[in-house]
Amino acid sequence: MRGSFTRPDSSMPDVQAQWDKCNNMVLAWIMHATIKKISDSIMFSSTSHDAWQELEQRYSQANGTRIFEVQRALCSIAQNNLSVADYFTEIKKLWDEYNAITTIPHCSCGLECASLKAVHKMIDNQQLMQFLVGLNDIYKTVRGNLIMIRPLPSLSQAYNVILQEEKQRGLSATSHIVNQSAAFHVQVQSRPMLENSLGNEHVALAGQQRNNYSYNHKPKNDQSISASVTRNDRRQYFCDYCKVPGHSIQRCFKVHGYPPRHRLYNKNRRIAAAVQTDQSSTNSEPPPSQTSFNQPGFSASTN
């Protein structure tokens, strides 16, 4: 597909047939991996290498632009509403894509080279920090503990610790919901008792209001009976001053004065003054026996 193996000449017919078989198989893979509009444009390509070159020239993207996009996504990625597993999956895809479009230097010494191990450790620490930075603030305590560990834990170890913390928080939230449900159930059960007590209070209040209404809106017969009883009570009193039954002299207006809004209020002062004058003159007049004894020229015959 990349053109590293060219088609053999006719001097080797068996190898040429084998090469044509492999070329047709790869070409079929490419055509079935693309949509119909694109596969129709490479249908008449003679080799899989020609089809691949045409697609690469048409749809290939410069590595610099894609590296910029991946780096920007890595700088802005955050957990937000995602779970820890989903967040790790999203950031892991960006890391894999970045490693695919960039080239990590290799050492001729092999995998045991100390410089190569240091490079991989640096990349692992960088990915660890990116993963911890994007976590939500509810994991800040665990995140601080991981950062203070020396040497720093691997990315897999940090992921396992954060995942366990998420499960623990899920269990705590579940128990809290169960407690709230139990409290709500108790509240619902106690509500009928409260409604019954409130209903009894409402019944008592309604009865009291009915009694007050019936008392304030008595029939005319009851009012006439009470009025007659009041009149009978008043007939027991008789005023010695105005000679009118129905009240006593202690409640007589002519003696004590009319109220301010009474129609005879203007006569109040004159009548009260006259009554007071009569009473004072009566009190100041001496008895007849004393007057006869005190008259001048009176001689006692008893001697």
Protein backbone atom coordinates (compact mmCIF):
# COMPACT_ATOMS: atom_id res chain seq x y z
CA MET A 1 0.00 0.00 0.00
CA ARG A 2 2.89 2.38 0.73
CA GLY A 3 4.75 1.29 -2.43
CA SER A 4 7.58 -0.57 -0.68
CA PHE A 5 6.88 -3.71 -2.69
CA THR A 6 6.46 -3.13 -6.41
CA ARG A 7 4.65 -5.48 -8.78
CA PRO A 8 6.95 -8.28 -10.04
CA ASP A 9 7.58 -8.66 -13.75
CA SER A 10 6.31 -11.46 -15.95
CA SER A 11 9.41 -13.54 -15.38
CA MET A 12 7.96 -14.63 -12.02
CA PRO A 13 4.34 -15.46 -12.78
CA ASP A 14 3.63 -17.15 -9.45
CA VAL A 15 4.91 -14.18 -7.42
CA GLN A 16 3.07 -11.77 -9.70
CA ALA A 17 -0.23 -13.60 -9.16
CA GLN A 18 0.31 -13.56 -5.42
CA TRP A 19 1.07 -9.83 -5.50
CA ASP A 20 -2.09 -9.09 -7.56
CA LYS A 21 -4.15 -11.06 -5.05
CA CYS A 22 -2.82 -9.07 -2.10
CA ASN A 23 -3.19 -5.77 -3.97
CA ASN A 24 -6.85 -6.46 -4.82
CA MET A 25 -7.58 -7.44 -1.21
CA VAL A 26 -6.05 -4.22 0.19
CA LEU A 27 -7.84 -2.13 -2.44
CA ALA A 28 -11.14 -3.73 -1.43
CA TRP A 29 -10.42 -2.89 2.20
CA ILE A 30 -9.84 0.77 1.35
CA MET A 31 -13.00 1.01 -0.75
CA HIS A 32 -15.17 -0.58 1.94
CA ALA A 33 -13.66 1.65 4.65
CA THR A 34 -14.78 4.85 2.89
CA ILE A 35 -18.20 6.20 2.03
CA LYS A 36 -19.69 5.57 -1.40
CA LYS A 37 -18.90 9.01 -2.83
CA ILE A 38 -15.22 8.61 -1.96
CA SER A 39 -14.99 4.96 -2.99
CA ASP A 40 -16.44 5.79 -6.40
CA SER A 41 -13.55 8.21 -7.01
CA ILE A 42 -10.88 5.52 -6.39
CA MET A 43 -12.73 2.65 -8.03
CA PHE A 44 -10.54 2.59 -11.16
CA SER A 45 -7.19 2.86 -9.36
CA SER A 46 -4.84 0.14 -10.61
CA THR A 47 -3.08 -0.47 -7.30
CA SER A 48 -3.83 0.08 -3.65
CA HIS A 49 -0.79 2.36 -3.51
CA ASP A 50 -2.33 4.71 -6.09
CA ALA A 51 -5.65 4.80 -4.23
CA TRP A 52 -3.92 5.51 -0.92
CA GLN A 53 -1.81 8.30 -2.41
CA GLU A 54 -4.86 9.97 -3.89
CA LEU A 55 -6.74 9.87 -0.60
CA GLU A 56 -3.71 11.14 1.31
CA GLN A 57 -3.25 14.10 -0.99
CA ARG A 58 -6.94 14.93 -0.86
CA TYR A 59 -7.72 14.56 2.84
CA SER A 60 -4.42 14.60 4.65
CA GLN A 61 -3.86 17.29 7.30
CA ALA A 62 -0.62 18.87 8.33
CA ASN A 63 0.76 17.49 11.56
CA GLY A 64 1.41 20.95 12.98
CA THR A 65 -2.28 21.92 12.82
CA ARG A 66 -3.44 18.68 14.40
CA ILE A 67 -0.81 18.89 17.14
CA PHE A 68 -2.05 22.38 17.94
CA GLU A 69 -5.66 21.14 18.18
CA VAL A 70 -4.73 18.22 20.42
CA GLN A 71 -2.64 20.40 22.72
CA ARG A 72 -5.45 22.94 23.01
CA ALA A 73 -7.91 20.15 23.85
CA LEU A 74 -5.54 18.81 26.51
CA CYS A 75 -5.24 22.25 28.11
CA SER A 76 -9.02 22.80 28.27
CA ILE A 77 -10.28 19.33 29.11
CA ALA A 78 -11.99 18.93 32.51
CA GLN A 79 -14.16 16.39 34.25
CA ASN A 80 -17.24 18.58 34.82
CA ASN A 81 -20.29 16.24 34.78
CA LEU A 82 -18.37 13.17 33.60
CA SER A 83 -17.51 10.25 35.80
CA VAL A 84 -13.88 9.50 36.58
CA ALA A 85 -13.83 6.59 34.10
CA ASP A 86 -15.34 8.65 31.27
CA TYR A 87 -13.03 11.57 31.96
CA PHE A 88 -9.97 9.30 31.92
CA THR A 89 -11.13 7.73 28.64
CA GLU A 90 -11.49 11.14 26.96
CA ILE A 91 -8.06 12.38 28.04
CA LYS A 92 -6.46 9.00 27.19
CA LYS A 93 -7.69 9.30 23.59
CA LEU A 94 -6.02 12.69 23.26
CA TRP A 95 -2.74 11.31 24.65
CA ASP A 96 -2.77 8.38 22.24
CA GLU A 97 -3.48 10.64 19.28
CA TYR A 98 -0.68 12.99 20.29
CA ASN A 99 1.76 10.10 20.58
CA ALA A 100 0.67 8.85 17.14
CA ILE A 101 1.36 12.14 15.34
CA THR A 102 4.60 12.90 17.18
CA THR A 103 7.86 10.98 17.18
CA ILE A 104 9.54 9.97 20.41
CA PRO A 105 13.32 9.64 19.96
CA HIS A 106 14.70 6.14 20.25
CA CYS A 107 18.09 5.13 21.52
CA SER A 108 20.28 2.55 19.85
CA CYS A 109 21.11 1.10 23.25
CA GLY A 110 17.68 -0.48 23.46
CA LEU A 111 14.96 -0.32 26.10
CA GLU A 112 17.43 -0.50 28.99
CA CYS A 113 18.84 2.95 28.26
CA ALA A 114 18.61 5.30 31.25
CA SER A 115 17.91 8.33 29.06
CA LEU A 116 14.97 6.59 27.40
CA LYS A 117 13.54 5.61 30.79
CA ALA A 118 13.85 9.22 31.98
CA VAL A 119 11.97 10.44 28.89
CA HIS A 120 9.11 7.99 29.47
CA LYS A 121 8.98 8.91 33.17
CA MET A 122 8.78 12.60 32.27
CA ILE A 123 5.92 11.92 29.85
CA ASP A 124 4.13 9.83 32.49
CA ASN A 125 4.46 12.63 35.10
CA GLN A 126 3.17 15.17 32.60
CA GLN A 127 0.10 13.05 31.87
CA LEU A 128 -0.45 12.55 35.61
CA MET A 129 -0.52 16.31 36.22
CA GLN A 130 -2.90 16.86 33.30
CA PHE A 131 -5.23 14.22 34.70
CA LEU A 132 -5.21 15.70 38.21
CA VAL A 133 -5.69 19.29 36.99
CA GLY A 134 -8.92 18.41 35.17
CA LEU A 135 -10.55 16.72 38.18
CA ASN A 136 -13.41 18.38 40.04
CA ASP A 137 -12.75 20.18 43.33
CA ILE A 138 -14.44 17.44 45.38
CA TYR A 139 -11.27 15.39 44.88
CA LYS A 140 -8.88 18.14 46.00
CA THR A 141 -8.00 16.34 49.25
CA VAL A 142 -7.03 13.10 47.49
CA ARG A 143 -5.32 15.10 44.75
CA GLY A 144 -3.19 16.94 47.32
CA ASN A 145 -2.18 13.66 48.94
CA LEU A 146 -1.11 12.21 45.59
CA ILE A 147 0.95 15.25 44.71
CA MET A 148 2.83 15.13 48.04
CA ILE A 149 3.97 11.53 47.48
CA ARG A 150 7.67 11.23 46.59
CA PRO A 151 8.35 9.84 44.11
CA LEU A 152 5.16 10.60 42.25
CA PRO A 153 2.84 7.64 41.68
CA SER A 154 2.22 6.33 38.20
CA LEU A 155 -0.80 7.36 36.20
CA SER A 156 -2.49 3.99 36.72
CA GLN A 157 -2.03 4.14 40.49
CA ALA A 158 -3.47 7.67 40.70
CA TYR A 159 -6.43 6.64 38.55
CA ASN A 160 -7.21 3.69 40.85
CA VAL A 161 -7.09 5.92 43.97
CA ILE A 162 -9.42 8.52 42.43
CA LEU A 163 -11.79 5.78 41.25
CA GLN A 164 -12.00 4.32 44.77
CA GLU A 165 -12.72 7.78 46.16
CA GLU A 166 -15.57 8.20 43.68
CA LYS A 167 -17.10 4.86 44.71
CA GLN A 168 -16.83 5.80 48.39
CA ARG A 169 -18.62 9.09 47.74
CA GLY A 170 -21.32 7.22 45.85
CA LEU A 171 -21.94 4.96 48.86
CA SER A 172 -22.15 7.98 51.19
CA ALA A 173 -24.63 9.70 48.90
CA THR A 174 -26.76 6.53 48.74
CA SER A 175 -26.94 6.24 52.54
CA HIS A 176 -27.89 9.93 52.77
CA ILE A 177 -30.71 9.39 50.27
CA VAL A 178 -31.96 6.38 52.26
CA ASN A 179 -32.04 8.46 55.46
CA GLN A 180 -33.98 11.21 53.73
CA SER A 181 -36.44 8.64 52.35
CA ALA A 182 -37.00 7.20 55.84
CA ALA A 183 -37.59 10.66 57.27
CA PHE A 184 -40.05 11.44 54.49
CA HIS A 185 -41.85 8.15 55.13
CA VAL A 186 -42.21 8.96 58.84
CA GLN A 187 -43.46 12.42 57.96
CA VAL A 188 -46.08 10.99 55.60
CA GLN A 189 -47.24 8.53 58.27
CA SER A 190 -47.56 11.25 60.92
CA ARG A 191 -49.45 13.56 58.58
CA PRO A 192 -52.89 11.81 59.04
CA MET A 193 -52.58 12.17 62.83
CA LEU A 194 -51.81 15.86 62.43
CA GLU A 195 -54.70 16.28 60.02
CA ASN A 196 -57.05 14.53 62.49
CA SER A 197 -55.98 16.85 65.30
CA LEU A 198 -56.34 19.87 63.07
CA GLY A 199 -59.72 18.55 61.95
CA ASN A 200 -60.90 18.28 65.56
CA GLU A 201 -59.76 21.84 66.22
CA HIS A 202 -61.60 23.00 63.11
CA VAL A 203 -64.77 21.19 64.22
CA ALA A 204 -64.58 22.77 67.68
CA LEU A 205 -63.99 26.21 66.16
CA ALA A 206 -66.88 25.75 63.74
CA GLY A 207 -69.17 24.74 66.61
CA GLN A 208 -68.15 27.80 68.59
CA GLN A 209 -68.78 30.03 65.57
CA ARG A 210 -72.23 28.46 65.11
CA ASN A 211 -73.03 29.09 68.75
CA ASN A 212 -71.92 32.71 68.42
CA TYR A 213 -73.97 33.12 65.25
CA SER A 214 -77.06 31.59 66.82
CA TYR A 215 -76.61 33.80 69.88
CA ASN A 216 -76.23 36.99 67.80
CA HIS A 217 -79.06 36.08 65.42
CA LYS A 218 -81.78 34.94 67.80
CA PRO A 219 -85.38 34.80 66.56
CA LYS A 220 -87.74 37.63 67.28
CA ASN A 221 -89.63 35.56 69.80
CA ASP A 222 -86.52 35.18 71.94
CA GLN A 223 -85.78 38.89 71.66
CA SER A 224 -89.36 39.75 72.67
CA ILE A 225 -89.11 37.39 75.64
CA SER A 226 -85.86 38.98 76.81
CA ALA A 227 -87.38 42.45 76.30
CA SER A 228 -90.42 41.51 78.36
CA VAL A 229 -88.21 40.13 81.09
CA THR A 230 -86.28 43.42 81.10
CA ARG A 231 -89.52 45.41 81.31
CA ASN A 232 -90.76 43.28 84.19
CA ASP A 233 -87.48 43.92 86.01
CA ARG A 234 -87.81 47.65 85.45
CA ARG A 235 -91.35 47.72 86.84
CA GLN A 236 -89.94 46.78 90.21
CA TYR A 237 -88.26 50.24 90.47
CA PHE A 238 -90.04 53.55 91.25
CA CYS A 239 -88.51 57.03 91.35
CA ASP A 240 -89.55 59.06 94.39
CA TYR A 241 -88.53 62.33 92.72
CA CYS A 242 -90.24 62.27 89.32
CA LYS A 243 -92.91 59.72 90.38
CA VAL A 244 -92.23 57.62 87.28
CA PRO A 245 -91.85 53.83 87.50
CA GLY A 246 -89.05 51.97 85.70
CA HIS A 247 -86.07 53.50 87.48
CA SER A 248 -84.93 54.52 90.91
CA ILE A 249 -83.88 57.92 92.15
CA GLN A 250 -80.26 56.81 91.96
CA ARG A 251 -80.61 56.54 88.14
CA CYS A 252 -82.92 59.46 87.57
CA PHE A 253 -81.73 61.86 84.89
CA LYS A 254 -83.66 64.75 86.40
CA VAL A 255 -81.67 64.41 89.61
CA HIS A 256 -78.25 63.51 88.25
CA GLY A 257 -78.42 65.17 84.85
CA TYR A 258 -78.99 64.01 81.29
CA PRO A 259 -76.24 62.46 79.16
CA PRO A 260 -74.38 64.81 76.78
CA ARG A 261 -76.18 63.56 73.64
CA HIS A 262 -79.66 63.49 75.15
CA ARG A 263 -82.24 65.87 73.67
CA LEU A 264 -82.87 67.39 77.13
CA TYR A 265 -79.19 67.88 77.85
CA ASN A 266 -79.63 71.71 77.78
CA LYS A 267 -82.03 71.50 80.70
CA ASN A 268 -79.64 69.33 82.58
CA ARG A 269 -77.79 72.06 84.45
CA ARG A 270 -80.92 74.06 85.34
CA ILE A 271 -82.76 71.06 86.73
CA ALA A 272 -79.72 69.79 88.59
CA ALA A 273 -79.12 73.26 90.08
CA ALA A 274 -82.77 73.52 91.16
CA VAL A 275 -82.66 70.11 92.77
CA GLN A 276 -79.47 71.01 94.57
CA THR A 277 -80.99 74.31 95.79
CA ASP A 278 -84.07 72.53 97.10
CA GLN A 279 -81.97 69.97 98.87
CA SER A 280 -79.71 72.65 100.44
CA SER A 281 -82.65 74.73 101.58
CA THR A 282 -84.28 71.69 103.06
CA ASN A 283 -81.12 70.75 104.91
CA SER A 284 -80.50 74.32 106.19
CA GLU A 285 -84.09 74.90 107.48
CA PRO A 286 -84.21 74.13 111.27
CA PRO A 287 -86.93 71.96 112.78
CA PRO A 288 -90.13 73.70 113.88
CA SER A 289 -89.54 72.97 117.55
CA GLN A 290 -86.12 74.53 117.47
CA THR A 291 -87.42 77.60 115.60
CA SER A 292 -90.16 78.19 118.18
CA PHE A 293 -87.70 77.90 120.97
CA ASN A 294 -85.26 80.32 119.40
CA GLN A 295 -87.80 83.06 118.50
CA PRO A 296 -87.40 86.28 120.51
CA GLY A 297 -89.97 86.85 123.21
CA PHE A 298 -90.58 83.19 123.66
CA SER A 299 -91.12 82.28 127.28
CA ALA A 300 -90.92 78.80 128.50
CA SER A 301 -94.03 77.72 130.27
CA THR A 302 -92.45 74.66 131.67
CA ASN A 303 -90.99 76.58 134.51
